[in-house]
Amino acid sequence: MPIQDDKNKWLEITKEEVDKYKLIGSAGGFSFGFCVYLAHKHTPDLFERVVGYCVDEHGIGEMMNAAARYAGLSEDKQKNITVSFYEDRGMLLLVFTGCAIQCMI
């Protein structure tokens, strides 16, 4: 389902469609909103650049779930996801890093 506000409309991109777009970056966390927060923190112009997103249970979120299991925390309480943010191919690429570390602190 697309996310909308007064200015932007973000499309939910399937895994088959991601090649049509340029990856801005990915964030892992316990909710979609938290992933957007982390992405915006590392890419201040995120809302002007994003045209779509893809939610995945693998990647950073999967690593966070493994860390929670290793630490003895119940995975049932919190299932982390990875959200990748995409822009049109004509723009510059900026990849942010460190999201998984910040989520686990």
PDB file of N, CA and C in Angstrom:
ATOM      1  N   MET A   1       0.845  -1.179   0.000  1.00  0.00           N
ATOM      2  CA  MET A   1       0.000   0.000   0.000  1.00  0.00           C
ATOM      3  C   MET A   1       0.891   1.243   0.000  1.00  0.00           C
ATOM      4  N   PRO A   2       0.653   2.187  -0.898  1.00  0.00           N
ATOM      5  CA  PRO A   2       1.478   3.397  -0.952  1.00  0.00           C
ATOM      6  C   PRO A   2       1.298   4.263   0.290  1.00  0.00           C
ATOM      7  N   ILE A   3       2.354   4.959   0.648  1.00  0.00           N
ATOM      8  CA  ILE A   3       2.309   5.909   1.759  1.00  0.00           C
ATOM      9  C   ILE A   3       2.168   7.287   1.149  1.00  0.00           C
ATOM     10  N   GLN A   4       1.254   8.093   1.668  1.00  0.00           N
ATOM     11  CA  GLN A   4       1.001   9.396   1.088  1.00  0.00           C
ATOM     12  C   GLN A   4       1.042  10.486   2.143  1.00  0.00           C
ATOM     13  N   ASP A   5       1.456  11.676   1.717  1.00  0.00           N
ATOM     14  CA  ASP A   5       1.239  12.891   2.467  1.00  0.00           C
ATOM     15  C   ASP A   5       0.911  13.976   1.448  1.00  0.00           C
ATOM     16  N   ASP A   6       0.940  15.239   1.840  1.00  0.00           N
ATOM     17  CA  ASP A   6       0.553  16.310   0.919  1.00  0.00           C
ATOM     18  C   ASP A   6       1.497  16.433  -0.273  1.00  0.00           C
ATOM     19  N   LYS A   7       2.798  16.122  -0.075  1.00  0.00           N
ATOM     20  CA  LYS A   7       3.783  16.317  -1.142  1.00  0.00           C
ATOM     21  C   LYS A   7       4.150  15.040  -1.877  1.00  0.00           C
ATOM     22  N   ASN A   8       4.338  13.978  -1.162  1.00  0.00           N
ATOM     23  CA  ASN A   8       4.963  12.777  -1.726  1.00  0.00           C
ATOM     24  C   ASN A   8       4.019  11.576  -1.701  1.00  0.00           C
ATOM     25  N   LYS A   9       4.290  10.676  -2.601  1.00  0.00           N
ATOM     26  CA  LYS A   9       3.627   9.378  -2.598  1.00  0.00           C
ATOM     27  C   LYS A   9       4.716   8.333  -2.784  1.00  0.00           C
ATOM     28  N   TRP A  10       4.919   7.502  -1.786  1.00  0.00           N
ATOM     29  CA  TRP A  10       5.927   6.452  -1.864  1.00  0.00           C
ATOM     30  C   TRP A  10       5.244   5.176  -2.323  1.00  0.00           C
ATOM     31  N   LEU A  11       5.841   4.533  -3.304  1.00  0.00           N
ATOM     32  CA  LEU A  11       5.311   3.280  -3.813  1.00  0.00           C
ATOM     33  C   LEU A  11       5.970   2.110  -3.104  1.00  0.00           C
ATOM     34  N   GLU A  12       5.190   1.074  -2.809  1.00  0.00           N
ATOM     35  CA  GLU A  12       5.773  -0.145  -2.284  1.00  0.00           C
ATOM     36  C   GLU A  12       6.283  -0.935  -3.483  1.00  0.00           C
ATOM     37  N   ILE A  13       7.595  -1.105  -3.557  1.00  0.00           N
ATOM     38  CA  ILE A  13       8.252  -1.735  -4.693  1.00  0.00           C
ATOM     39  C   ILE A  13       8.468  -3.216  -4.387  1.00  0.00           C
ATOM     40  N   THR A  14       8.138  -4.065  -5.332  1.00  0.00           N
ATOM     41  CA  THR A  14       8.372  -5.492  -5.146  1.00  0.00           C
ATOM     42  C   THR A  14       9.851  -5.795  -5.419  1.00  0.00           C
ATOM     43  N   LYS A  15      10.290  -6.952  -4.986  1.00  0.00           N
ATOM     44  CA  LYS A  15      11.684  -7.353  -5.207  1.00  0.00           C
ATOM     45  C   LYS A  15      12.014  -7.466  -6.695  1.00  0.00           C
ATOM     46  N   GLU A  16      11.008  -7.769  -7.494  1.00  0.00           N
ATOM     47  CA  GLU A  16      11.222  -7.875  -8.939  1.00  0.00           C
ATOM     48  C   GLU A  16      11.396  -6.507  -9.597  1.00  0.00           C
ATOM     49  N   GLU A  17      10.886  -5.447  -8.963  1.00  0.00           N
ATOM     50  CA  GLU A  17      10.926  -4.100  -9.541  1.00  0.00           C
ATOM     51  C   GLU A  17      12.120  -3.259  -9.107  1.00  0.00           C
ATOM     52  N   VAL A  18      12.893  -3.708  -8.134  1.00  0.00           N
ATOM     53  CA  VAL A  18      13.940  -2.855  -7.565  1.00  0.00           C
ATOM     54  C   VAL A  18      15.008  -2.454  -8.582  1.00  0.00           C
ATOM     55  N   ASP A  19      15.208  -3.231  -9.625  1.00  0.00           N
ATOM     56  CA  ASP A  19      16.216  -2.895 -10.638  1.00  0.00           C
ATOM     57  C   ASP A  19      15.867  -1.633 -11.422  1.00  0.00           C
ATOM     58  N   LYS A  20      14.619  -1.225 -11.375  1.00  0.00           N
ATOM     59  CA  LYS A  20      14.187  -0.025 -12.078  1.00  0.00           C
ATOM     60  C   LYS A  20      14.549   1.251 -11.325  1.00  0.00           C
ATOM     61  N   TYR A  21      14.968   1.113 -10.069  1.00  0.00           N
ATOM     62  CA  TYR A  21      15.242   2.255  -9.207  1.00  0.00           C
ATOM     63  C   TYR A  21      16.667   2.199  -8.681  1.00  0.00           C
ATOM     64  N   LYS A  22      17.116   3.310  -8.099  1.00  0.00           N
ATOM     65  CA  LYS A  22      18.440   3.378  -7.500  1.00  0.00           C
ATOM     66  C   LYS A  22      18.285   3.327  -5.975  1.00  0.00           C
ATOM     67  N   LEU A  23      19.034   2.451  -5.347  1.00  0.00           N
ATOM     68  CA  LEU A  23      18.977   2.293  -3.893  1.00  0.00           C
ATOM     69  C   LEU A  23      19.598   3.504  -3.213  1.00  0.00           C
ATOM     70  N   ILE A  24      18.865   4.110  -2.291  1.00  0.00           N
ATOM     71  CA  ILE A  24      19.422   5.173  -1.448  1.00  0.00           C
ATOM     72  C   ILE A  24      20.116   4.525  -0.260  1.00  0.00           C
ATOM     73  N   GLY A  25      19.435   3.574   0.364  1.00  0.00           N
ATOM     74  CA  GLY A  25      20.003   2.864   1.500  1.00  0.00           C
ATOM     75  C   GLY A  25      18.956   1.999   2.170  1.00  0.00           C
ATOM     76  N   SER A  26      19.385   1.252   3.176  1.00  0.00           N
ATOM     77  CA  SER A  26      18.495   0.349   3.908  1.00  0.00           C
ATOM     78  C   SER A  26      18.650   0.591   5.393  1.00  0.00           C
ATOM     79  N   ALA A  27      17.562   0.402   6.116  1.00  0.00           N
ATOM     80  CA  ALA A  27      17.576   0.536   7.569  1.00  0.00           C
ATOM     81  C   ALA A  27      16.873  -0.674   8.165  1.00  0.00           C
ATOM     82  N   GLY A  28      17.327  -1.101   9.328  1.00  0.00           N
ATOM     83  CA  GLY A  28      16.704  -2.218  10.022  1.00  0.00           C
ATOM     84  C   GLY A  28      16.149  -1.768  11.346  1.00  0.00           C
ATOM     85  N   GLY A  29      14.989  -2.296  11.715  1.00  0.00           N
ATOM     86  CA  GLY A  29      14.390  -1.917  12.979  1.00  0.00           C
ATOM     87  C   GLY A  29      13.138  -2.704  13.264  1.00  0.00           C
ATOM     88  N   PHE A  30      12.492  -2.344  14.363  1.00  0.00           N
ATOM     89  CA  PHE A  30      11.325  -3.082  14.838  1.00  0.00           C
ATOM     90  C   PHE A  30      10.029  -2.650  14.164  1.00  0.00           C
ATOM     91  N   SER A  31      10.056  -1.527  13.417  1.00  0.00           N
ATOM     92  CA  SER A  31       8.852  -1.080  12.729  1.00  0.00           C
ATOM     93  C   SER A  31       9.227  -0.266  11.497  1.00  0.00           C
ATOM     94  N   PHE A  32       8.264  -0.095  10.609  1.00  0.00           N
ATOM     95  CA  PHE A  32       8.489   0.709   9.416  1.00  0.00           C
ATOM     96  C   PHE A  32       8.836   2.147   9.801  1.00  0.00           C
ATOM     97  N   GLY A  33       8.098   2.696  10.749  1.00  0.00           N
ATOM     98  CA  GLY A  33       8.337   4.071  11.184  1.00  0.00           C
ATOM     99  C   GLY A  33       9.735   4.274  11.733  1.00  0.00           C
ATOM    100  N   PHE A  34      10.235   3.305  12.500  1.00  0.00           N
ATOM    101  CA  PHE A  34      11.586   3.424  13.051  1.00  0.00           C
ATOM    102  C   PHE A  34      12.625   3.377  11.938  1.00  0.00           C
ATOM    103  N   CYS A  35      12.394   2.544  10.928  1.00  0.00           N
ATOM    104  CA  CYS A  35      13.319   2.481   9.789  1.00  0.00           C
ATOM    105  C   CYS A  35      13.328   3.805   9.021  1.00  0.00           C
ATOM    106  N   VAL A  36      12.159   4.426   8.856  1.00  0.00           N
ATOM    107  CA  VAL A  36      12.098   5.734   8.204  1.00  0.00           C
ATOM    108  C   VAL A  36      12.863   6.759   9.024  1.00  0.00           C
ATOM    109  N   TYR A  37      12.704   6.721  10.351  1.00  0.00           N
ATOM    110  CA  TYR A  37      13.433   7.638  11.224  1.00  0.00           C
ATOM    111  C   TYR A  37      14.944   7.488  11.040  1.00  0.00           C
ATOM    112  N   LEU A  38      15.442   6.254  11.057  1.00  0.00           N
ATOM    113  CA  LEU A  38      16.879   6.037  10.887  1.00  0.00           C
ATOM    114  C   LEU A  38      17.359   6.500   9.515  1.00  0.00           C
ATOM    115  N   ALA A  39      16.584   6.199   8.494  1.00  0.00           N
ATOM    116  CA  ALA A  39      16.970   6.615   7.146  1.00  0.00           C
ATOM    117  C   ALA A  39      17.017   8.135   7.045  1.00  0.00           C
ATOM    118  N   HIS A  40      16.034   8.811   7.627  1.00  0.00           N
ATOM    119  CA  HIS A  40      16.000  10.277   7.586  1.00  0.00           C
ATOM    120  C   HIS A  40      17.157  10.868   8.391  1.00  0.00           C
ATOM    121  N   LYS A  41      17.515  10.230   9.479  1.00  0.00           N
ATOM    122  CA  LYS A  41      18.625  10.705  10.305  1.00  0.00           C
ATOM    123  C   LYS A  41      19.939  10.693   9.519  1.00  0.00           C
ATOM    124  N   HIS A  42      20.123   9.692   8.661  1.00  0.00           N
ATOM    125  CA  HIS A  42      21.360   9.553   7.895  1.00  0.00           C
ATOM    126  C   HIS A  42      21.288  10.184   6.509  1.00  0.00           C
ATOM    127  N   THR A  43      20.089  10.498   6.054  1.00  0.00           N
ATOM    128  CA  THR A  43      19.895  11.127   4.745  1.00  0.00           C
ATOM    129  C   THR A  43      18.853  12.232   4.915  1.00  0.00           C
ATOM    130  N   PRO A  44      19.282  13.423   5.318  1.00  0.00           N
ATOM    131  CA  PRO A  44      18.331  14.496   5.640  1.00  0.00           C
ATOM    132  C   PRO A  44      17.359  14.845   4.508  1.00  0.00           C
ATOM    133  N   ASP A  45      17.760  14.687   3.246  1.00  0.00           N
ATOM    134  CA  ASP A  45      16.853  15.002   2.137  1.00  0.00           C
ATOM    135  C   ASP A  45      16.075  13.774   1.668  1.00  0.00           C
ATOM    136  N   LEU A  46      15.919  12.805   2.546  1.00  0.00           N
ATOM    137  CA  LEU A  46      15.252  11.543   2.201  1.00  0.00           C
ATOM    138  C   LEU A  46      13.867  11.773   1.608  1.00  0.00           C
ATOM    139  N   PHE A  47      13.068  12.623   2.223  1.00  0.00           N
ATOM    140  CA  PHE A  47      11.686  12.800   1.793  1.00  0.00           C
ATOM    141  C   PHE A  47      11.585  13.449   0.412  1.00  0.00           C
ATOM    142  N   GLU A  48      12.593  14.198   0.019  1.00  0.00           N
ATOM    143  CA  GLU A  48      12.609  14.785  -1.315  1.00  0.00           C
ATOM    144  C   GLU A  48      13.071  13.776  -2.371  1.00  0.00           C
ATOM    145  N   ARG A  49      13.813  12.759  -1.960  1.00  0.00           N
ATOM    146  CA  ARG A  49      14.427  11.819  -2.903  1.00  0.00           C
ATOM    147  C   ARG A  49      13.654  10.521  -3.082  1.00  0.00           C
ATOM    148  N   VAL A  50      13.034  10.019  -2.042  1.00  0.00           N
ATOM    149  CA  VAL A  50      12.415   8.693  -2.095  1.00  0.00           C
ATOM    150  C   VAL A  50      11.205   8.686  -3.020  1.00  0.00           C
ATOM    151  N   VAL A  51      11.162   7.667  -3.876  1.00  0.00           N
ATOM    152  CA  VAL A  51       9.961   7.412  -4.683  1.00  0.00           C
ATOM    153  C   VAL A  51       9.332   6.078  -4.299  1.00  0.00           C
ATOM    154  N   GLY A  52      10.094   5.209  -3.615  1.00  0.00           N
ATOM    155  CA  GLY A  52       9.555   3.917  -3.238  1.00  0.00           C
ATOM    156  C   GLY A  52      10.373   3.232  -2.163  1.00  0.00           C
ATOM    157  N   TYR A  53       9.811   2.155  -1.650  1.00  0.00           N
ATOM    158  CA  TYR A  53      10.452   1.376  -0.595  1.00  0.00           C
ATOM    159  C   TYR A  53      10.115  -0.092  -0.783  1.00  0.00           C
ATOM    160  N   CYS A  54      10.941  -0.944  -0.180  1.00  0.00           N
ATOM    161  CA  CYS A  54      10.722  -2.385  -0.208  1.00  0.00           C
ATOM    162  C   CYS A  54      10.978  -2.927   1.199  1.00  0.00           C
ATOM    163  N   VAL A  55      10.016  -3.635   1.758  1.00  0.00           N
ATOM    164  CA  VAL A  55      10.136  -4.212   3.096  1.00  0.00           C
ATOM    165  C   VAL A  55      10.561  -5.662   2.957  1.00  0.00           C
ATOM    166  N   ASP A  56      11.547  -6.055   3.771  1.00  0.00           N
ATOM    167  CA  ASP A  56      12.079  -7.409   3.704  1.00  0.00           C
ATOM    168  C   ASP A  56      12.367  -7.898   5.115  1.00  0.00           C
ATOM    169  N   GLU A  57      12.183  -9.173   5.358  1.00  0.00           N
ATOM    170  CA  GLU A  57      12.499  -9.738   6.670  1.00  0.00           C
ATOM    171  C   GLU A  57      13.945 -10.200   6.753  1.00  0.00           C
ATOM    172  N   HIS A  58      14.681 -10.065   5.675  1.00  0.00           N
ATOM    173  CA  HIS A  58      16.079 -10.477   5.656  1.00  0.00           C
ATOM    174  C   HIS A  58      16.977  -9.246   5.751  1.00  0.00           C
ATOM    175  N   GLY A  59      18.253  -9.434   5.626  1.00  0.00           N
ATOM    176  CA  GLY A  59      19.184  -8.308   5.671  1.00  0.00           C
ATOM    177  C   GLY A  59      19.459  -7.860   7.096  1.00  0.00           C
ATOM    178  N   ILE A  60      19.441  -6.561   7.317  1.00  0.00           N
ATOM    179  CA  ILE A  60      19.763  -5.989   8.623  1.00  0.00           C
ATOM    180  C   ILE A  60      18.800  -6.502   9.689  1.00  0.00           C
ATOM    181  N   GLY A  61      17.503  -6.550   9.375  1.00  0.00           N
ATOM    182  CA  GLY A  61      16.511  -7.037  10.331  1.00  0.00           C
ATOM    183  C   GLY A  61      16.769  -8.467  10.760  1.00  0.00           C
ATOM    184  N   GLU A  62      17.168  -9.302   9.815  1.00  0.00           N
ATOM    185  CA  GLU A  62      17.467 -10.698  10.122  1.00  0.00           C
ATOM    186  C   GLU A  62      18.686 -10.800  11.047  1.00  0.00           C
ATOM    187  N   MET A  63      19.692  -9.964  10.805  1.00  0.00           N
ATOM    188  CA  MET A  63      20.874  -9.964  11.683  1.00  0.00           C
ATOM    189  C   MET A  63      20.502  -9.520  13.092  1.00  0.00           C
ATOM    190  N   MET A  64      19.604  -8.550  13.189  1.00  0.00           N
ATOM    191  CA  MET A  64      19.168  -8.082  14.511  1.00  0.00           C
ATOM    192  C   MET A  64      18.391  -9.165  15.249  1.00  0.00           C
ATOM    193  N   ASN A  65      17.562  -9.909  14.511  1.00  0.00           N
ATOM    194  CA  ASN A  65      16.825 -11.016  15.130  1.00  0.00           C
ATOM    195  C   ASN A  65      17.784 -12.091  15.637  1.00  0.00           C
ATOM    196  N   ALA A  66      18.823 -12.391  14.856  1.00  0.00           N
ATOM    197  CA  ALA A  66      19.824 -13.383  15.277  1.00  0.00           C
ATOM    198  C   ALA A  66      20.560 -12.906  16.524  1.00  0.00           C
ATOM    199  N   ALA A  67      20.877 -11.628  16.578  1.00  0.00           N
ATOM    200  CA  ALA A  67      21.557 -11.071  17.765  1.00  0.00           C
ATOM    201  C   ALA A  67      20.650 -11.164  18.991  1.00  0.00           C
ATOM    202  N   ALA A  68      19.351 -10.926  18.806  1.00  0.00           N
ATOM    203  CA  ALA A  68      18.406 -11.024  19.921  1.00  0.00           C
ATOM    204  C   ALA A  68      18.307 -12.459  20.424  1.00  0.00           C
ATOM    205  N   ARG A  69      18.285 -13.425  19.501  1.00  0.00           N
ATOM    206  CA  ARG A  69      18.253 -14.833  19.909  1.00  0.00           C
ATOM    207  C   ARG A  69      19.530 -15.201  20.658  1.00  0.00           C
ATOM    208  N   TYR A  70      20.676 -14.740  20.154  1.00  0.00           N
ATOM    209  CA  TYR A  70      21.958 -15.036  20.788  1.00  0.00           C
ATOM    210  C   TYR A  70      22.019 -14.452  22.196  1.00  0.00           C
ATOM    211  N   ALA A  71      21.419 -13.278  22.388  1.00  0.00           N
ATOM    212  CA  ALA A  71      21.421 -12.621  23.698  1.00  0.00           C
ATOM    213  C   ALA A  71      20.380 -13.218  24.632  1.00  0.00           C
ATOM    214  N   GLY A  72      19.564 -14.164  24.133  1.00  0.00           N
ATOM    215  CA  GLY A  72      18.567 -14.808  24.971  1.00  0.00           C
ATOM    216  C   GLY A  72      17.244 -14.061  25.026  1.00  0.00           C
ATOM    217  N   LEU A  73      17.062 -13.074  24.179  1.00  0.00           N
ATOM    218  CA  LEU A  73      15.803 -12.339  24.137  1.00  0.00           C
ATOM    219  C   LEU A  73      14.805 -13.109  23.292  1.00  0.00           C
ATOM    220  N   SER A  74      13.548 -13.024  23.628  1.00  0.00           N
ATOM    221  CA  SER A  74      12.515 -13.736  22.879  1.00  0.00           C
ATOM    222  C   SER A  74      12.282 -13.053  21.540  1.00  0.00           C
ATOM    223  N   GLU A  75      12.377 -13.798  20.472  1.00  0.00           N
ATOM    224  CA  GLU A  75      12.130 -13.249  19.142  1.00  0.00           C
ATOM    225  C   GLU A  75      10.648 -12.935  18.941  1.00  0.00           C
ATOM    226  N   ASP A  76       9.772 -13.592  19.718  1.00  0.00           N
ATOM    227  CA  ASP A  76       8.338 -13.345  19.576  1.00  0.00           C
ATOM    228  C   ASP A  76       7.963 -11.922  19.967  1.00  0.00           C
ATOM    229  N   LYS A  77       8.701 -11.330  20.889  1.00  0.00           N
ATOM    230  CA  LYS A  77       8.392  -9.976  21.335  1.00  0.00           C
ATOM    231  C   LYS A  77       8.668  -8.960  20.232  1.00  0.00           C
ATOM    232  N   GLN A  78       9.681  -9.208  19.447  1.00  0.00           N
ATOM    233  CA  GLN A  78      10.100  -8.211  18.467  1.00  0.00           C
ATOM    234  C   GLN A  78      10.636  -8.895  17.223  1.00  0.00           C
ATOM    235  N   LYS A  79      10.028  -8.623  16.106  1.00  0.00           N
ATOM    236  CA  LYS A  79      10.479  -9.158  14.820  1.00  0.00           C
ATOM    237  C   LYS A  79      10.951  -7.974  13.990  1.00  0.00           C
ATOM    238  N   ASN A  80      12.244  -7.904  13.758  1.00  0.00           N
ATOM    239  CA  ASN A  80      12.812  -6.777  13.032  1.00  0.00           C
ATOM    240  C   ASN A  80      12.682  -6.968  11.527  1.00  0.00           C
ATOM    241  N   ILE A  81      12.619  -5.849  10.826  1.00  0.00           N
ATOM    242  CA  ILE A  81      12.497  -5.853   9.374  1.00  0.00           C
ATOM    243  C   ILE A  81      13.603  -4.993   8.785  1.00  0.00           C
ATOM    244  N   THR A  82      13.800  -5.133   7.493  1.00  0.00           N
ATOM    245  CA  THR A  82      14.702  -4.277   6.736  1.00  0.00           C
ATOM    246  C   THR A  82      13.855  -3.512   5.724  1.00  0.00           C
ATOM    247  N   VAL A  83      14.023  -2.196   5.685  1.00  0.00           N
ATOM    248  CA  VAL A  83      13.335  -1.373   4.703  1.00  0.00           C
ATOM    249  C   VAL A  83      14.401  -0.725   3.830  1.00  0.00           C
ATOM    250  N   SER A  84      14.301  -0.950   2.524  1.00  0.00           N
ATOM    251  CA  SER A  84      15.210  -0.322   1.570  1.00  0.00           C
ATOM    252  C   SER A  84      14.463   0.804   0.877  1.00  0.00           C
ATOM    253  N   PHE A  85      15.142   1.941   0.735  1.00  0.00           N
ATOM    254  CA  PHE A  85      14.538   3.130   0.152  1.00  0.00           C
ATOM    255  C   PHE A  85      15.161   3.387  -1.218  1.00  0.00           C
ATOM    256  N   TYR A  86      14.320   3.739  -2.185  1.00  0.00           N
ATOM    257  CA  TYR A  86      14.768   3.897  -3.568  1.00  0.00           C
ATOM    258  C   TYR A  86      14.383   5.265  -4.120  1.00  0.00           C
ATOM    259  N   GLU A  87      15.215   5.725  -5.073  1.00  0.00           N
ATOM    260  CA  GLU A  87      14.951   6.958  -5.790  1.00  0.00           C
ATOM    261  C   GLU A  87      14.993   6.669  -7.284  1.00  0.00           C
ATOM    262  N   ASP A  88      14.576   7.658  -8.084  1.00  0.00           N
ATOM    263  CA  ASP A  88      14.686   7.516  -9.533  1.00  0.00           C
ATOM    264  C   ASP A  88      16.148   7.389  -9.919  1.00  0.00           C
ATOM    265  N   ARG A  89      16.427   6.686 -10.989  1.00  0.00           N
ATOM    266  CA  ARG A  89      17.805   6.438 -11.418  1.00  0.00           C
ATOM    267  C   ARG A  89      18.571   7.699 -11.785  1.00  0.00           C
ATOM    268  N   GLY A  90      17.922   8.798 -12.079  1.00  0.00           N
ATOM    269  CA  GLY A  90      18.608  10.004 -12.522  1.00  0.00           C
ATOM    270  C   GLY A  90      19.276  10.816 -11.418  1.00  0.00           C
ATOM    271  N   MET A  91      19.154  10.425 -10.145  1.00  0.00           N
ATOM    272  CA  MET A  91      19.687  11.216  -9.041  1.00  0.00           C
ATOM    273  C   MET A  91      20.985  10.610  -8.516  1.00  0.00           C
ATOM    274  N   LEU A  92      21.684  11.368  -7.676  1.00  0.00           N
ATOM    275  CA  LEU A  92      22.934  10.897  -7.071  1.00  0.00           C
ATOM    276  C   LEU A  92      22.645   9.831  -6.029  1.00  0.00           C
ATOM    277  N   LEU A  93      23.613   8.947  -5.825  1.00  0.00           N
ATOM    278  CA  LEU A  93      23.471   7.855  -4.865  1.00  0.00           C
ATOM    279  C   LEU A  93      24.172   8.212  -3.570  1.00  0.00           C
ATOM    280  N   LEU A  94      23.478   8.042  -2.454  1.00  0.00           N
ATOM    281  CA  LEU A  94      24.070   8.219  -1.132  1.00  0.00           C
ATOM    282  C   LEU A  94      23.619   7.039  -0.292  1.00  0.00           C
ATOM    283  N   VAL A  95      24.551   6.227   0.143  1.00  0.00           N
ATOM    284  CA  VAL A  95      24.221   5.059   0.947  1.00  0.00           C
ATOM    285  C   VAL A  95      24.601   5.354   2.380  1.00  0.00           C
ATOM    286  N   PHE A  96      23.663   5.191   3.301  1.00  0.00           N
ATOM    287  CA  PHE A  96      23.965   5.398   4.705  1.00  0.00           C
ATOM    288  C   PHE A  96      24.268   4.054   5.349  1.00  0.00           C
ATOM    289  N   THR A  97      25.104   4.099   6.367  1.00  0.00           N
ATOM    290  CA  THR A  97      25.505   2.865   7.038  1.00  0.00           C
ATOM    291  C   THR A  97      25.336   3.029   8.536  1.00  0.00           C
ATOM    292  N   GLY A  98      25.502   1.938   9.258  1.00  0.00           N
ATOM    293  CA  GLY A  98      25.476   1.985  10.714  1.00  0.00           C
ATOM    294  C   GLY A  98      24.099   1.815  11.316  1.00  0.00           C
ATOM    295  N   CYS A  99      23.077   1.557  10.524  1.00  0.00           N
ATOM    296  CA  CYS A  99      21.729   1.466  11.056  1.00  0.00           C
ATOM    297  C   CYS A  99      21.577   0.312  12.031  1.00  0.00           C
ATOM    298  N   ALA A 100      22.134  -0.844  11.705  1.00  0.00           N
ATOM    299  CA  ALA A 100      21.962  -2.009  12.562  1.00  0.00           C
ATOM    300  C   ALA A 100      22.610  -1.777  13.910  1.00  0.00           C
ATOM    301  N   ILE A 101      23.775  -1.158  13.933  1.00  0.00           N
ATOM    302  CA  ILE A 101      24.460  -0.878  15.187  1.00  0.00           C
ATOM    303  C   ILE A 101      23.629   0.063  16.031  1.00  0.00           C
ATOM    304  N   GLN A 102      23.076   1.106  15.422  1.00  0.00           N
ATOM    305  CA  GLN A 102      22.273   2.054  16.180  1.00  0.00           C
ATOM    306  C   GLN A 102      20.986   1.432  16.695  1.00  0.00           C
ATOM    307  N   CYS A 103      20.397   0.505  15.941  1.00  0.00           N
ATOM    308  CA  CYS A 103      19.167  -0.136  16.387  1.00  0.00           C
ATOM    309  C   CYS A 103      19.405  -1.031  17.596  1.00  0.00           C
ATOM    310  N   MET A 104      20.592  -1.627  17.675  1.00  0.00           N
ATOM    311  CA  MET A 104      20.860  -2.573  18.738  1.00  0.00           C
ATOM    312  C   MET A 104      21.336  -1.896  20.010  1.00  0.00           C
ATOM    313  N   ILE A 105      21.720  -0.637  19.961  1.00  0.00           N
ATOM    314  CA  ILE A 105      22.239   0.053  21.153  1.00  0.00           C
ATOM    315  C   ILE A 105      21.115   0.379  22.092  1.00  0.00           C
TER     316      ILE A 105
END
